[in-house]
Full PDB file with SEQRES, HELIX, SHEET, SSBOND, CRYST1, ORIGX, SCALE, CONECT and MASTER records, all heavy atoms in Angstrom:
SEQRES   1 A   31  MET SER THR MET ASP ILE ILE LYS LEU TYR GLY ALA GLU          
SEQRES   2 A   31  PRO ALA ASN PHE LEU ASP VAL GLY GLY GLY ALA THR LYS          
SEQRES   3 A   31  GLU ASN ILE VAL ALA                                          
HELIX    1 AA1 SER A    2  LEU A    9  1                                   8    
HELIX    2 AA2 LYS A   26  VAL A   30  1                                   5    
CRYST1    1.000    1.000    1.000  90.00  90.00  90.00 P 1           1          
ORIGX1      1.000000  0.000000  0.000000        0.00000                         
ORIGX2      0.000000  1.000000  0.000000        0.00000                         
ORIGX3      0.000000  0.000000  1.000000        0.00000                         
SCALE1      1.000000  0.000000  0.000000        0.00000                         
SCALE2      0.000000  1.000000  0.000000        0.00000                         
SCALE3      0.000000  0.000000  1.000000        0.00000                         
ATOM      1  N   MET A   1      10.912 -10.693   6.217  1.00  0.00           N  
ATOM      2  CA  MET A   1      11.853 -11.476   5.490  1.00  0.00           C  
ATOM      3  C   MET A   1      11.684 -11.124   3.995  1.00  0.00           C  
ATOM      4  O   MET A   1      12.581 -11.020   3.231  1.00  0.00           O  
ATOM      5  CB  MET A   1      11.851 -12.864   5.760  1.00  0.00           C  
ATOM      6  CG  MET A   1      12.066 -13.272   7.255  1.00  0.00           C  
ATOM      7  SD  MET A   1      13.894 -12.820   7.598  1.00  0.00           S  
ATOM      8  CE  MET A   1      14.734 -14.069   6.584  1.00  0.00           C  
ATOM      9  N   SER A   2      10.413 -11.281   3.529  1.00  0.00           N  
ATOM     10  CA  SER A   2      10.034 -10.951   2.190  1.00  0.00           C  
ATOM     11  C   SER A   2      10.568  -9.509   1.781  1.00  0.00           C  
ATOM     12  O   SER A   2      10.990  -9.355   0.655  1.00  0.00           O  
ATOM     13  CB  SER A   2       8.519 -11.120   1.951  1.00  0.00           C  
ATOM     14  OG  SER A   2       8.114 -12.478   2.247  1.00  0.00           O  
ATOM     15  N   THR A   3      10.276  -8.526   2.635  1.00  0.00           N  
ATOM     16  CA  THR A   3      10.700  -7.183   2.307  1.00  0.00           C  
ATOM     17  C   THR A   3      12.224  -7.109   2.138  1.00  0.00           C  
ATOM     18  O   THR A   3      12.680  -6.525   1.124  1.00  0.00           O  
ATOM     19  CB  THR A   3      10.292  -6.233   3.387  1.00  0.00           C  
ATOM     20  OG1 THR A   3       8.807  -6.482   3.637  1.00  0.00           O  
ATOM     21  CG2 THR A   3      10.627  -4.876   3.098  1.00  0.00           C  
ATOM     22  N   MET A   4      12.972  -7.719   2.937  1.00  0.00           N  
ATOM     23  CA  MET A   4      14.517  -7.801   2.746  1.00  0.00           C  
ATOM     24  C   MET A   4      14.865  -8.446   1.535  1.00  0.00           C  
ATOM     25  O   MET A   4      15.787  -8.021   0.771  1.00  0.00           O  
ATOM     26  CB  MET A   4      15.034  -8.443   4.110  1.00  0.00           C  
ATOM     27  CG  MET A   4      14.931  -7.657   5.322  1.00  0.00           C  
ATOM     28  SD  MET A   4      15.967  -8.138   6.638  1.00  0.00           S  
ATOM     29  CE  MET A   4      15.316  -9.805   6.977  1.00  0.00           C  
ATOM     30  N   ASP A   5      14.172  -9.553   1.264  1.00  0.00           N  
ATOM     31  CA  ASP A   5      14.520 -10.305  -0.055  1.00  0.00           C  
ATOM     32  C   ASP A   5      14.266  -9.456  -1.261  1.00  0.00           C  
ATOM     33  O   ASP A   5      15.131  -9.459  -2.176  1.00  0.00           O  
ATOM     34  CB  ASP A   5      13.602 -11.571  -0.147  1.00  0.00           C  
ATOM     35  CG  ASP A   5      14.038 -12.637   0.855  1.00  0.00           C  
ATOM     36  OD1 ASP A   5      15.265 -12.638   1.316  1.00  0.00           O  
ATOM     37  OD2 ASP A   5      13.274 -13.593   1.032  1.00  0.00           O  
ATOM     38  N   ILE A   6      13.142  -8.780  -1.230  1.00  0.00           N  
ATOM     39  CA  ILE A   6      12.877  -8.010  -2.520  1.00  0.00           C  
ATOM     40  C   ILE A   6      13.773  -6.748  -2.613  1.00  0.00           C  
ATOM     41  O   ILE A   6      14.110  -6.323  -3.735  1.00  0.00           O  
ATOM     42  CB  ILE A   6      11.363  -7.678  -2.597  1.00  0.00           C  
ATOM     43  CG1 ILE A   6      11.075  -7.276  -4.012  1.00  0.00           C  
ATOM     44  CG2 ILE A   6      11.009  -6.529  -1.718  1.00  0.00           C  
ATOM     45  CD1 ILE A   6       9.420  -7.283  -4.136  1.00  0.00           C  
ATOM     46  N   ILE A   7      14.201  -6.217  -1.579  1.00  0.00           N  
ATOM     47  CA  ILE A   7      15.103  -5.192  -1.632  1.00  0.00           C  
ATOM     48  C   ILE A   7      16.443  -5.599  -2.210  1.00  0.00           C  
ATOM     49  O   ILE A   7      17.121  -5.012  -3.030  1.00  0.00           O  
ATOM     50  CB  ILE A   7      15.435  -4.583  -0.168  1.00  0.00           C  
ATOM     51  CG1 ILE A   7      14.309  -3.713   0.341  1.00  0.00           C  
ATOM     52  CG2 ILE A   7      16.699  -3.669  -0.128  1.00  0.00           C  
ATOM     53  CD1 ILE A   7      14.317  -3.292   1.797  1.00  0.00           C  
ATOM     54  N   LYS A   8      16.906  -6.855  -1.799  1.00  0.00           N  
ATOM     55  CA  LYS A   8      18.161  -7.422  -2.313  1.00  0.00           C  
ATOM     56  C   LYS A   8      17.844  -7.869  -3.849  1.00  0.00           C  
ATOM     57  O   LYS A   8      18.786  -7.648  -4.678  1.00  0.00           O  
ATOM     58  CB  LYS A   8      18.584  -8.729  -1.589  1.00  0.00           C  
ATOM     59  CG  LYS A   8      19.018  -8.433  -0.181  1.00  0.00           C  
ATOM     60  CD  LYS A   8      19.242  -9.724   0.617  1.00  0.00           C  
ATOM     61  CE  LYS A   8      20.513 -10.424   0.077  1.00  0.00           C  
ATOM     62  NZ  LYS A   8      21.780  -9.715   0.455  1.00  0.00           N  
ATOM     63  N   LEU A   9      16.617  -8.200  -4.282  1.00  0.00           N  
ATOM     64  CA  LEU A   9      16.353  -8.489  -5.629  1.00  0.00           C  
ATOM     65  C   LEU A   9      16.604  -7.394  -6.452  1.00  0.00           C  
ATOM     66  O   LEU A   9      17.063  -7.466  -7.587  1.00  0.00           O  
ATOM     67  CB  LEU A   9      14.935  -8.912  -5.754  1.00  0.00           C  
ATOM     68  CG  LEU A   9      14.321  -9.288  -7.048  1.00  0.00           C  
ATOM     69  CD1 LEU A   9      15.200 -10.456  -7.654  1.00  0.00           C  
ATOM     70  CD2 LEU A   9      12.914  -9.510  -7.158  1.00  0.00           C  
ATOM     71  N   TYR A  10      16.298  -6.123  -6.076  1.00  0.00           N  
ATOM     72  CA  TYR A  10      16.557  -4.978  -6.843  1.00  0.00           C  
ATOM     73  C   TYR A  10      17.972  -4.268  -6.602  1.00  0.00           C  
ATOM     74  O   TYR A  10      18.020  -3.175  -6.889  1.00  0.00           O  
ATOM     75  CB  TYR A  10      15.354  -4.019  -6.579  1.00  0.00           C  
ATOM     76  CG  TYR A  10      14.046  -4.394  -7.206  1.00  0.00           C  
ATOM     77  CD1 TYR A  10      12.971  -4.881  -6.476  1.00  0.00           C  
ATOM     78  CD2 TYR A  10      14.016  -4.468  -8.560  1.00  0.00           C  
ATOM     79  CE1 TYR A  10      11.820  -5.298  -7.045  1.00  0.00           C  
ATOM     80  CE2 TYR A  10      12.860  -4.947  -9.256  1.00  0.00           C  
ATOM     81  CZ  TYR A  10      11.729  -5.358  -8.465  1.00  0.00           C  
ATOM     82  OH  TYR A  10      10.532  -5.832  -9.039  1.00  0.00           O  
ATOM     83  N   GLY A  11      18.748  -4.995  -6.094  1.00  0.00           N  
ATOM     84  CA  GLY A  11      20.177  -4.565  -6.052  1.00  0.00           C  
ATOM     85  C   GLY A  11      20.635  -3.795  -4.807  1.00  0.00           C  
ATOM     86  O   GLY A  11      21.741  -3.441  -4.879  1.00  0.00           O  
ATOM     87  N   ALA A  12      19.824  -3.719  -3.838  1.00  0.00           N  
ATOM     88  CA  ALA A  12      20.271  -2.923  -2.543  1.00  0.00           C  
ATOM     89  C   ALA A  12      20.309  -3.850  -1.455  1.00  0.00           C  
ATOM     90  O   ALA A  12      20.113  -5.124  -1.547  1.00  0.00           O  
ATOM     91  CB  ALA A  12      19.313  -1.901  -2.223  1.00  0.00           C  
ATOM     92  N   GLU A  13      20.635  -3.382  -0.241  1.00  0.00           N  
ATOM     93  CA  GLU A  13      20.878  -4.296   0.957  1.00  0.00           C  
ATOM     94  C   GLU A  13      20.022  -3.656   2.128  1.00  0.00           C  
ATOM     95  O   GLU A  13      20.196  -2.405   2.334  1.00  0.00           O  
ATOM     96  CB  GLU A  13      22.294  -4.395   1.401  1.00  0.00           C  
ATOM     97  CG  GLU A  13      23.208  -5.031   0.343  1.00  0.00           C  
ATOM     98  CD  GLU A  13      22.861  -6.659   0.288  1.00  0.00           C  
ATOM     99  OE1 GLU A  13      22.453  -7.166   1.290  1.00  0.00           O  
ATOM    100  OE2 GLU A  13      23.112  -7.253  -0.742  1.00  0.00           O  
ATOM    101  N   PRO A  14      19.296  -4.520   2.847  1.00  0.00           N  
ATOM    102  CA  PRO A  14      18.671  -4.031   4.103  1.00  0.00           C  
ATOM    103  C   PRO A  14      19.580  -3.594   5.165  1.00  0.00           C  
ATOM    104  O   PRO A  14      20.573  -4.311   5.317  1.00  0.00           O  
ATOM    105  CB  PRO A  14      17.628  -5.208   4.378  1.00  0.00           C  
ATOM    106  CG  PRO A  14      18.308  -6.317   3.847  1.00  0.00           C  
ATOM    107  CD  PRO A  14      19.070  -5.927   2.602  1.00  0.00           C  
ATOM    108  N   ALA A  15      19.192  -2.585   5.978  1.00  0.00           N  
ATOM    109  CA  ALA A  15      20.034  -2.153   6.923  1.00  0.00           C  
ATOM    110  C   ALA A  15      19.647  -2.800   8.265  1.00  0.00           C  
ATOM    111  O   ALA A  15      20.262  -2.809   9.346  1.00  0.00           O  
ATOM    112  CB  ALA A  15      19.900  -0.694   7.215  1.00  0.00           C  
ATOM    113  N   ASN A  16      18.425  -3.458   8.247  1.00  0.00           N  
ATOM    114  CA  ASN A  16      18.017  -4.145   9.484  1.00  0.00           C  
ATOM    115  C   ASN A  16      16.801  -5.063   9.289  1.00  0.00           C  
ATOM    116  O   ASN A  16      16.173  -5.054   8.131  1.00  0.00           O  
ATOM    117  CB  ASN A  16      17.439  -3.039  10.539  1.00  0.00           C  
ATOM    118  CG  ASN A  16      16.324  -2.251   9.899  1.00  0.00           C  
ATOM    119  OD1 ASN A  16      16.511  -1.287   9.162  1.00  0.00           O  
ATOM    120  ND2 ASN A  16      15.068  -2.646  10.178  1.00  0.00           N  
ATOM    121  N   PHE A  17      16.476  -5.933  10.253  1.00  0.00           N  
ATOM    122  CA  PHE A  17      15.262  -6.565  10.383  1.00  0.00           C  
ATOM    123  C   PHE A  17      14.523  -5.850  11.514  1.00  0.00           C  
ATOM    124  O   PHE A  17      15.032  -5.797  12.657  1.00  0.00           O  
ATOM    125  CB  PHE A  17      15.519  -8.096  10.731  1.00  0.00           C  
ATOM    126  CG  PHE A  17      14.341  -8.872  11.105  1.00  0.00           C  
ATOM    127  CD1 PHE A  17      13.688  -9.577  10.164  1.00  0.00           C  
ATOM    128  CD2 PHE A  17      13.763  -8.809  12.364  1.00  0.00           C  
ATOM    129  CE1 PHE A  17      12.554 -10.362  10.482  1.00  0.00           C  
ATOM    130  CE2 PHE A  17      12.718  -9.706  12.807  1.00  0.00           C  
ATOM    131  CZ  PHE A  17      12.019 -10.337  11.873  1.00  0.00           C  
ATOM    132  N   LEU A  18      13.315  -5.377  11.194  1.00  0.00           N  
ATOM    133  CA  LEU A  18      12.474  -4.771  12.304  1.00  0.00           C  
ATOM    134  C   LEU A  18      11.038  -5.107  12.082  1.00  0.00           C  
ATOM    135  O   LEU A  18      10.376  -4.785  11.167  1.00  0.00           O  
ATOM    136  CB  LEU A  18      12.709  -3.290  12.163  1.00  0.00           C  
ATOM    137  CG  LEU A  18      11.769  -2.350  13.092  1.00  0.00           C  
ATOM    138  CD1 LEU A  18      11.948  -2.889  14.565  1.00  0.00           C  
ATOM    139  CD2 LEU A  18      12.080  -0.986  13.032  1.00  0.00           C  
ATOM    140  N   ASP A  19      10.615  -5.896  13.038  1.00  0.00           N  
ATOM    141  CA  ASP A  19       9.188  -6.319  13.120  1.00  0.00           C  
ATOM    142  C   ASP A  19       8.594  -5.767  14.219  1.00  0.00           C  
ATOM    143  O   ASP A  19       8.897  -5.939  15.425  1.00  0.00           O  
ATOM    144  CB  ASP A  19       9.135  -7.954  13.351  1.00  0.00           C  
ATOM    145  CG  ASP A  19       7.720  -8.466  13.385  1.00  0.00           C  
ATOM    146  OD1 ASP A  19       6.734  -7.715  13.208  1.00  0.00           O  
ATOM    147  OD2 ASP A  19       7.608  -9.683  13.883  1.00  0.00           O  
ATOM    148  N   VAL A  20       7.562  -4.881  13.898  1.00  0.00           N  
ATOM    149  CA  VAL A  20       6.852  -4.092  15.007  1.00  0.00           C  
ATOM    150  C   VAL A  20       5.741  -4.904  15.670  1.00  0.00           C  
ATOM    151  O   VAL A  20       5.138  -4.485  16.745  1.00  0.00           O  
ATOM    152  CB  VAL A  20       6.325  -2.824  14.503  1.00  0.00           C  
ATOM    153  CG1 VAL A  20       7.353  -1.957  14.129  1.00  0.00           C  
ATOM    154  CG2 VAL A  20       5.253  -2.888  13.411  1.00  0.00           C  
ATOM    155  N   GLY A  21       5.500  -6.142  15.077  1.00  0.00           N  
ATOM    156  CA  GLY A  21       4.480  -7.013  15.670  1.00  0.00           C  
ATOM    157  C   GLY A  21       3.018  -6.671  15.357  1.00  0.00           C  
ATOM    158  O   GLY A  21       2.888  -5.489  14.670  1.00  0.00           O  
ATOM    159  N   GLY A  22       2.137  -7.409  15.702  1.00  0.00           N  
ATOM    160  CA  GLY A  22       0.747  -7.221  15.490  1.00  0.00           C  
ATOM    161  C   GLY A  22      -0.006  -6.249  16.433  1.00  0.00           C  
ATOM    162  O   GLY A  22      -1.165  -5.774  16.007  1.00  0.00           O  
ATOM    163  N   GLY A  23       0.484  -6.037  17.572  1.00  0.00           N  
ATOM    164  CA  GLY A  23      -0.201  -5.238  18.577  1.00  0.00           C  
ATOM    165  C   GLY A  23       0.514  -3.848  18.873  1.00  0.00           C  
ATOM    166  O   GLY A  23       0.464  -3.383  20.000  1.00  0.00           O  
ATOM    167  N   ALA A  24       1.355  -3.375  17.951  1.00  0.00           N  
ATOM    168  CA  ALA A  24       2.123  -2.290  18.216  1.00  0.00           C  
ATOM    169  C   ALA A  24       1.272  -1.035  18.444  1.00  0.00           C  
ATOM    170  O   ALA A  24       0.151  -0.756  17.739  1.00  0.00           O  
ATOM    171  CB  ALA A  24       3.117  -1.963  17.075  1.00  0.00           C  
ATOM    172  N   THR A  25       1.621  -0.065  19.356  1.00  0.00           N  
ATOM    173  CA  THR A  25       1.010   1.140  19.594  1.00  0.00           C  
ATOM    174  C   THR A  25       1.689   2.315  18.843  1.00  0.00           C  
ATOM    175  O   THR A  25       2.624   2.146  18.219  1.00  0.00           O  
ATOM    176  CB  THR A  25       0.891   1.537  21.071  1.00  0.00           C  
ATOM    177  OG1 THR A  25       2.292   1.644  21.520  1.00  0.00           O  
ATOM    178  CG2 THR A  25       0.334   0.366  21.902  1.00  0.00           C  
ATOM    179  N   LYS A  26       1.048   3.403  18.820  1.00  0.00           N  
ATOM    180  CA  LYS A  26       1.747   4.593  18.263  1.00  0.00           C  
ATOM    181  C   LYS A  26       3.067   4.916  18.800  1.00  0.00           C  
ATOM    182  O   LYS A  26       3.958   5.235  18.180  1.00  0.00           O  
ATOM    183  CB  LYS A  26       0.787   5.847  18.476  1.00  0.00           C  
ATOM    184  CG  LYS A  26       1.299   7.086  17.775  1.00  0.00           C  
ATOM    185  CD  LYS A  26       0.262   8.250  17.919  1.00  0.00           C  
ATOM    186  CE  LYS A  26       0.337   8.784  19.289  1.00  0.00           C  
ATOM    187  NZ  LYS A  26      -0.537   9.991  19.350  1.00  0.00           N  
ATOM    188  N   GLU A  27       3.144   4.665  20.093  1.00  0.00           N  
ATOM    189  CA  GLU A  27       4.408   4.794  20.795  1.00  0.00           C  
ATOM    190  C   GLU A  27       5.454   3.950  20.320  1.00  0.00           C  
ATOM    191  O   GLU A  27       6.679   4.234  20.255  1.00  0.00           O  
ATOM    192  CB  GLU A  27       4.279   4.721  22.378  1.00  0.00           C  
ATOM    193  CG  GLU A  27       3.500   5.838  23.013  1.00  0.00           C  
ATOM    194  CD  GLU A  27       1.973   5.824  22.679  1.00  0.00           C  
ATOM    195  OE1 GLU A  27       1.416   4.794  22.374  1.00  0.00           O  
ATOM    196  OE2 GLU A  27       1.331   6.976  22.827  1.00  0.00           O  
ATOM    197  N   ASN A  28       5.066   2.625  20.059  1.00  0.00           N  
ATOM    198  CA  ASN A  28       5.969   1.730  19.580  1.00  0.00           C  
ATOM    199  C   ASN A  28       6.572   2.124  18.148  1.00  0.00           C  
ATOM    200  O   ASN A  28       7.713   1.894  17.874  1.00  0.00           O  
ATOM    201  CB  ASN A  28       5.273   0.279  19.419  1.00  0.00           C  
ATOM    202  CG  ASN A  28       5.002  -0.283  20.784  1.00  0.00           C  
ATOM    203  OD1 ASN A  28       3.885  -0.323  21.192  1.00  0.00           O  
ATOM    204  ND2 ASN A  28       6.018  -0.701  21.484  1.00  0.00           N  
ATOM    205  N   ILE A  29       5.629   2.609  17.362  1.00  0.00           N  
ATOM    206  CA  ILE A  29       5.970   3.068  15.988  1.00  0.00           C  
ATOM    207  C   ILE A  29       6.905   4.325  16.064  1.00  0.00           C  
ATOM    208  O   ILE A  29       7.962   4.232  15.344  1.00  0.00           O  
ATOM    209  CB  ILE A  29       4.737   3.465  15.123  1.00  0.00           C  
ATOM    210  CG1 ILE A  29       3.835   2.256  15.110  1.00  0.00           C  
ATOM    211  CG2 ILE A  29       5.179   3.807  13.713  1.00  0.00           C  
ATOM    212  CD1 ILE A  29       4.314   0.920  14.622  1.00  0.00           C  
ATOM    213  N   VAL A  30       6.748   5.184  16.943  1.00  0.00           N  
ATOM    214  CA  VAL A  30       7.577   6.324  17.067  1.00  0.00           C  
ATOM    215  C   VAL A  30       9.009   5.758  17.545  1.00  0.00           C  
ATOM    216  O   VAL A  30      10.055   6.212  17.040  1.00  0.00           O  
ATOM    217  CB  VAL A  30       7.067   7.325  18.084  1.00  0.00           C  
ATOM    218  CG1 VAL A  30       8.098   8.403  18.481  1.00  0.00           C  
ATOM    219  CG2 VAL A  30       5.811   7.915  17.683  1.00  0.00           C  
ATOM    220  N   ALA A  31       8.976   4.931  18.473  1.00  0.00           N  
ATOM    221  CA  ALA A  31      10.346   4.247  18.949  1.00  0.00           C  
ATOM    222  C   ALA A  31      11.030   3.561  17.802  1.00  0.00           C  
ATOM    223  O   ALA A  31      12.283   3.729  17.690  1.00  0.00           O  
ATOM    224  CB  ALA A  31      10.092   3.304  20.127  1.00  0.00           C  
TER     225      ALA A  31                                                      
MASTER        0    0    0    2    0    0    0    6  224    1    0    3          
END                                                                             
């Protein structure tokens, strides 16, 4: 949420909310 907020602060718009979580594997990141 903070990341999306600061993108908007600098005049752009986020294309998504994407939380990979705390236990993501390399395969999750690739996906």
